[in-house]
Amino acid sequence: MSAEQIVAISTTDSAEEAESLSKAIVAARLAACVQISGPIRSIYRWDGAIQDDQEWQLWIKTTADRIEELTAFVKANHSYDTPELVALPVVGGNPAYLQWMVDETRPVAGS
């Protein structure tokens, strides 16, 4: 995979989990930035019933070559049994910002 920029989206059931998960993702260099929106209202089918819940949405700015590691990290560190993580391609934007996304998601030498 290349270092093309993507935005991955996830949700949590609390502001506290959104903050701690976001900080851990950025600290692990799996994203350059995570923006937290919320609360939001999510309506979805789970365990055969329609659910209507308050959640916090994470907008995770990263690169395509980090998505597998990000997915594994979210699955291992999230309170949900099946956490949302979907990736959307970035088709354009400020070249300096897009390069910053790449730079901030590169592993640090020696770590």
Protein backbone atom coordinates (compact mmCIF):
# COMPACT_ATOMS: atom_id res chain seq x y z
CA MET A 1 0.00 0.00 0.00
CA SER A 2 1.07 3.55 -0.60
CA ALA A 3 1.09 6.49 1.80
CA GLU A 4 -2.05 7.97 0.26
CA GLN A 5 -4.07 10.00 2.74
CA ILE A 6 -7.34 8.68 4.13
CA VAL A 7 -9.83 9.62 6.80
CA ALA A 8 -10.96 6.73 8.99
CA ILE A 9 -14.12 7.07 11.05
CA SER A 10 -14.96 5.37 14.32
CA THR A 11 -17.35 5.93 17.23
CA THR A 12 -17.29 5.46 20.99
CA ASP A 13 -19.99 5.51 23.65
CA SER A 14 -18.41 8.24 25.79
CA ALA A 15 -16.41 11.44 25.51
CA GLU A 16 -13.80 9.95 27.85
CA GLU A 17 -13.21 6.89 25.66
CA ALA A 18 -13.12 9.09 22.54
CA GLU A 19 -10.40 11.22 24.13
CA SER A 20 -8.28 8.38 25.47
CA LEU A 21 -8.52 6.33 22.26
CA SER A 22 -7.71 9.39 20.12
CA LYS A 23 -4.65 10.26 22.20
CA ALA A 24 -3.42 6.67 22.05
CA ILE A 25 -3.87 6.53 18.26
CA VAL A 26 -1.88 9.75 17.75
CA ALA A 27 0.80 8.68 20.27
CA ALA A 28 1.25 5.43 18.33
CA ARG A 29 1.70 7.49 15.12
CA LEU A 30 -1.26 5.72 13.56
CA ALA A 31 -2.81 9.12 12.80
CA ALA A 32 -1.58 12.67 12.43
CA CYS A 33 -4.76 14.02 14.00
CA VAL A 34 -8.05 12.77 15.41
CA GLN A 35 -11.01 15.10 15.65
CA ILE A 36 -13.83 14.24 18.04
CA SER A 37 -17.41 15.22 17.20
CA GLY A 38 -20.27 14.67 19.51
CA PRO A 39 -22.40 13.76 20.94
CA ILE A 40 -24.03 12.37 17.83
CA ARG A 41 -27.09 10.15 17.54
CA SER A 42 -26.58 6.73 15.98
CA ILE A 43 -29.47 4.56 14.85
CA TYR A 44 -28.45 1.07 13.79
CA ARG A 45 -29.40 -2.60 13.90
CA TRP A 46 -27.57 -4.72 16.51
CA ASP A 47 -28.49 -8.13 17.93
CA GLY A 48 -31.64 -8.17 15.84
CA ALA A 49 -33.05 -4.90 17.18
CA ILE A 50 -32.98 -1.25 16.18
CA GLN A 51 -30.73 0.71 18.54
CA ASP A 52 -30.81 4.47 19.15
CA ASP A 53 -27.72 5.64 21.04
CA GLN A 54 -25.59 8.68 21.77
CA GLU A 55 -22.00 8.31 20.53
CA TRP A 56 -18.87 10.36 19.87
CA GLN A 57 -17.40 10.21 16.38
CA LEU A 58 -13.67 10.10 15.68
CA TRP A 59 -12.33 11.52 12.41
CA ILE A 60 -8.92 9.88 12.13
CA LYS A 61 -6.49 11.53 9.67
CA THR A 62 -4.02 8.90 8.51
CA THR A 63 -2.58 7.12 5.48
CA ALA A 64 -3.68 4.02 3.60
CA ASP A 65 -0.52 2.12 4.49
CA ARG A 66 -1.37 2.48 8.24
CA ILE A 67 -5.01 1.28 8.03
CA GLU A 68 -4.35 -2.37 8.89
CA GLU A 69 -2.32 -1.46 11.98
CA LEU A 70 -4.89 1.19 12.94
CA THR A 71 -7.71 -1.35 12.59
CA ALA A 72 -5.90 -3.85 14.82
CA PHE A 73 -5.16 -1.10 17.37
CA VAL A 74 -8.78 0.07 17.50
CA LYS A 75 -10.06 -3.50 17.85
CA ALA A 76 -7.61 -4.18 20.70
CA ASN A 77 -8.26 -0.90 22.56
CA HIS A 78 -11.98 -0.24 22.04
CA SER A 79 -14.79 -1.11 24.45
CA TYR A 80 -17.14 -2.29 21.66
CA ASP A 81 -17.16 -5.94 20.56
CA THR A 82 -17.24 -4.80 16.92
CA PRO A 83 -15.98 -1.21 16.74
CA GLU A 84 -16.71 0.86 13.68
CA LEU A 85 -13.70 1.67 11.53
CA VAL A 86 -14.28 2.68 7.93
CA ALA A 87 -11.77 4.42 5.69
CA LEU A 88 -12.57 7.12 3.14
CA PRO A 89 -10.11 8.29 0.47
CA VAL A 90 -8.87 11.87 0.49
CA VAL A 91 -9.12 13.10 -3.11
CA GLY A 92 -7.49 16.50 -2.64
CA GLY A 93 -6.65 19.29 -0.26
CA ASN A 94 -3.87 21.56 0.95
CA PRO A 95 -0.62 19.89 -0.22
CA ALA A 96 1.26 21.03 2.90
CA TYR A 97 -1.42 19.55 5.19
CA LEU A 98 -1.54 16.30 3.20
CA GLN A 99 2.26 15.98 3.48
CA TRP A 100 2.03 16.66 7.22
CA MET A 101 -0.41 13.74 7.50
CA VAL A 102 2.15 11.47 5.86
CA ASP A 103 5.06 12.80 7.93
CA GLU A 104 3.24 12.39 11.25
CA THR A 105 2.23 8.79 10.55
CA ARG A 106 5.72 7.52 9.80
CA PRO A 107 7.25 5.38 12.55
CA VAL A 108 10.09 7.10 14.39
CA ALA A 109 13.48 5.59 13.58
CA GLY A 110 14.64 3.24 16.32
CA SER A 111 11.18 2.67 17.80
